[in-house]
Amino acid sequence: MSAADREKWNSKYADPEFAPRKPSPVLLGLAEWLPPQRGRALDLAGGCGRHAIWLAQQGFDVTLADVSSVGLQVAEGDVSDRP
């Protein structure tokens, strides 16, 4: 991704009104298909971690990756560094 993409997403996630916190209805609708014996999950382009956090709460060992450092800070609960 370009630096412009990173800036765009950092700007969006810096706005507390933008960053969604609840998992999408699509993910929740697929919950019954998740393996009963939890394992690893990878959330690519996961933004502020709404899906990664939910999957972790379900017992998965989750890796979250995103171009936005601000989105990852929000996912970690560290919003003090928001621009």
C-alpha atoms as a PDB file:
ATOM      1  CA  MET A   1       0.000   0.000   0.000  1.00  0.00           C
ATOM      2  CA  SER A   2       1.049   3.538  -0.595  1.00  0.00           C
ATOM      3  CA  ALA A   3       1.803   6.210   1.973  1.00  0.00           C
ATOM      4  CA  ALA A   4      -1.374   7.966   0.815  1.00  0.00           C
ATOM      5  CA  ASP A   5      -3.408   4.848   1.655  1.00  0.00           C
ATOM      6  CA  ARG A   6      -1.809   4.699   5.090  1.00  0.00           C
ATOM      7  CA  GLU A   7      -2.593   8.391   5.682  1.00  0.00           C
ATOM      8  CA  LYS A   8      -6.197   7.920   4.534  1.00  0.00           C
ATOM      9  CA  TRP A   9      -6.840   5.050   6.932  1.00  0.00           C
ATOM     10  CA  ASN A  10      -4.919   6.648   9.811  1.00  0.00           C
ATOM     11  CA  SER A  11      -7.106   9.726   9.401  1.00  0.00           C
ATOM     12  CA  LYS A  12     -10.315   7.669   9.414  1.00  0.00           C
ATOM     13  CA  TYR A  13      -9.359   5.610  12.463  1.00  0.00           C
ATOM     14  CA  ALA A  14      -8.236   8.734  14.329  1.00  0.00           C
ATOM     15  CA  ASP A  15     -11.866   9.872  14.309  1.00  0.00           C
ATOM     16  CA  PRO A  16     -13.596   8.135  17.263  1.00  0.00           C
ATOM     17  CA  GLU A  17     -16.913   8.451  15.428  1.00  0.00           C
ATOM     18  CA  PHE A  18     -15.658   6.396  12.478  1.00  0.00           C
ATOM     19  CA  ALA A  19     -14.011   3.332  13.938  1.00  0.00           C
ATOM     20  CA  PRO A  20     -16.646   0.577  14.203  1.00  0.00           C
ATOM     21  CA  ARG A  21     -16.338  -1.482  17.373  1.00  0.00           C
ATOM     22  CA  LYS A  22     -18.868  -4.300  16.902  1.00  0.00           C
ATOM     23  CA  PRO A  23     -18.185  -7.274  14.617  1.00  0.00           C
ATOM     24  CA  SER A  24     -20.065  -7.277  11.341  1.00  0.00           C
ATOM     25  CA  PRO A  25     -23.357  -9.153  11.040  1.00  0.00           C
ATOM     26  CA  VAL A  26     -21.669 -11.275   8.352  1.00  0.00           C
ATOM     27  CA  LEU A  27     -19.058 -12.575  10.803  1.00  0.00           C
ATOM     28  CA  LEU A  28     -21.657 -13.123  13.504  1.00  0.00           C
ATOM     29  CA  GLY A  29     -23.796 -15.021  10.996  1.00  0.00           C
ATOM     30  CA  LEU A  30     -20.879 -17.349  10.279  1.00  0.00           C
ATOM     31  CA  ALA A  31     -20.162 -18.017  13.969  1.00  0.00           C
ATOM     32  CA  GLU A  32     -21.803 -21.433  13.875  1.00  0.00           C
ATOM     33  CA  TRP A  33     -19.289 -22.502  11.211  1.00  0.00           C
ATOM     34  CA  LEU A  34     -16.257 -21.696  13.332  1.00  0.00           C
ATOM     35  CA  PRO A  35     -14.356 -24.743  14.569  1.00  0.00           C
ATOM     36  CA  PRO A  36     -15.388 -25.867  18.055  1.00  0.00           C
ATOM     37  CA  GLN A  37     -11.761 -26.547  18.964  1.00  0.00           C
ATOM     38  CA  ARG A  38     -10.349 -23.063  18.683  1.00  0.00           C
ATOM     39  CA  GLY A  39      -7.089 -22.405  16.897  1.00  0.00           C
ATOM     40  CA  ARG A  40      -5.410 -19.533  15.124  1.00  0.00           C
ATOM     41  CA  ALA A  41      -7.108 -16.788  13.120  1.00  0.00           C
ATOM     42  CA  LEU A  42      -5.634 -14.146  10.836  1.00  0.00           C
ATOM     43  CA  ASP A  43      -7.419 -10.819  10.364  1.00  0.00           C
ATOM     44  CA  LEU A  44      -5.882  -9.068   7.351  1.00  0.00           C
ATOM     45  CA  ALA A  45      -6.779  -5.423   6.776  1.00  0.00           C
ATOM     46  CA  GLY A  46      -8.512  -5.624  10.140  1.00  0.00           C
ATOM     47  CA  GLY A  47      -8.514  -1.894  10.852  1.00  0.00           C
ATOM     48  CA  CYS A  48      -9.342  -1.187  14.471  1.00  0.00           C
ATOM     49  CA  GLY A  49      -9.653  -4.888  15.250  1.00  0.00           C
ATOM     50  CA  ARG A  50     -13.392  -5.323  15.649  1.00  0.00           C
ATOM     51  CA  HIS A  51     -13.282  -8.836  14.172  1.00  0.00           C
ATOM     52  CA  ALA A  52      -9.942  -9.805  15.719  1.00  0.00           C
ATOM     53  CA  ILE A  53     -11.140  -8.762  19.166  1.00  0.00           C
ATOM     54  CA  TRP A  54     -14.378 -10.713  18.807  1.00  0.00           C
ATOM     55  CA  LEU A  55     -12.521 -13.805  17.574  1.00  0.00           C
ATOM     56  CA  ALA A  56     -10.110 -13.559  20.519  1.00  0.00           C
ATOM     57  CA  GLN A  57     -13.080 -13.360  22.877  1.00  0.00           C
ATOM     58  CA  GLN A  58     -14.308 -16.608  21.305  1.00  0.00           C
ATOM     59  CA  GLY A  59     -11.022 -18.308  22.200  1.00  0.00           C
ATOM     60  CA  PHE A  60      -8.964 -17.900  19.023  1.00  0.00           C
ATOM     61  CA  ASP A  61      -5.300 -16.923  18.985  1.00  0.00           C
ATOM     62  CA  VAL A  62      -5.593 -13.972  16.583  1.00  0.00           C
ATOM     63  CA  THR A  63      -3.052 -12.059  14.539  1.00  0.00           C
ATOM     64  CA  LEU A  64      -4.268  -8.659  13.332  1.00  0.00           C
ATOM     65  CA  ALA A  65      -2.539  -6.887  10.425  1.00  0.00           C
ATOM     66  CA  ASP A  66      -3.401  -3.520   8.907  1.00  0.00           C
ATOM     67  CA  VAL A  67      -1.696  -0.663   7.059  1.00  0.00           C
ATOM     68  CA  SER A  68      -3.022   1.813   9.626  1.00  0.00           C
ATOM     69  CA  SER A  69      -0.875   2.230  12.722  1.00  0.00           C
ATOM     70  CA  VAL A  70      -3.707   4.259  14.272  1.00  0.00           C
ATOM     71  CA  GLY A  71      -6.181   1.433  13.639  1.00  0.00           C
ATOM     72  CA  LEU A  72      -3.831  -1.015  15.342  1.00  0.00           C
ATOM     73  CA  GLN A  73      -3.437   1.353  18.312  1.00  0.00           C
ATOM     74  CA  VAL A  74      -7.222   1.532  18.613  1.00  0.00           C
ATOM     75  CA  ALA A  75      -7.365  -2.273  18.558  1.00  0.00           C
ATOM     76  CA  GLU A  76      -4.806  -2.428  21.345  1.00  0.00           C
ATOM     77  CA  GLY A  77      -6.833   0.040  23.364  1.00  0.00           C
ATOM     78  CA  ASP A  78      -4.132   2.711  23.152  1.00  0.00           C
ATOM     79  CA  VAL A  79      -5.985   5.745  21.858  1.00  0.00           C
ATOM     80  CA  SER A  80      -3.720   8.256  23.600  1.00  0.00           C
ATOM     81  CA  ASP A  81      -1.559   8.498  20.466  1.00  0.00           C
ATOM     82  CA  ARG A  82      -4.415   9.434  18.158  1.00  0.00           C
ATOM     83  CA  PRO A  83      -3.520  12.470  16.070  1.00  0.00           C
END
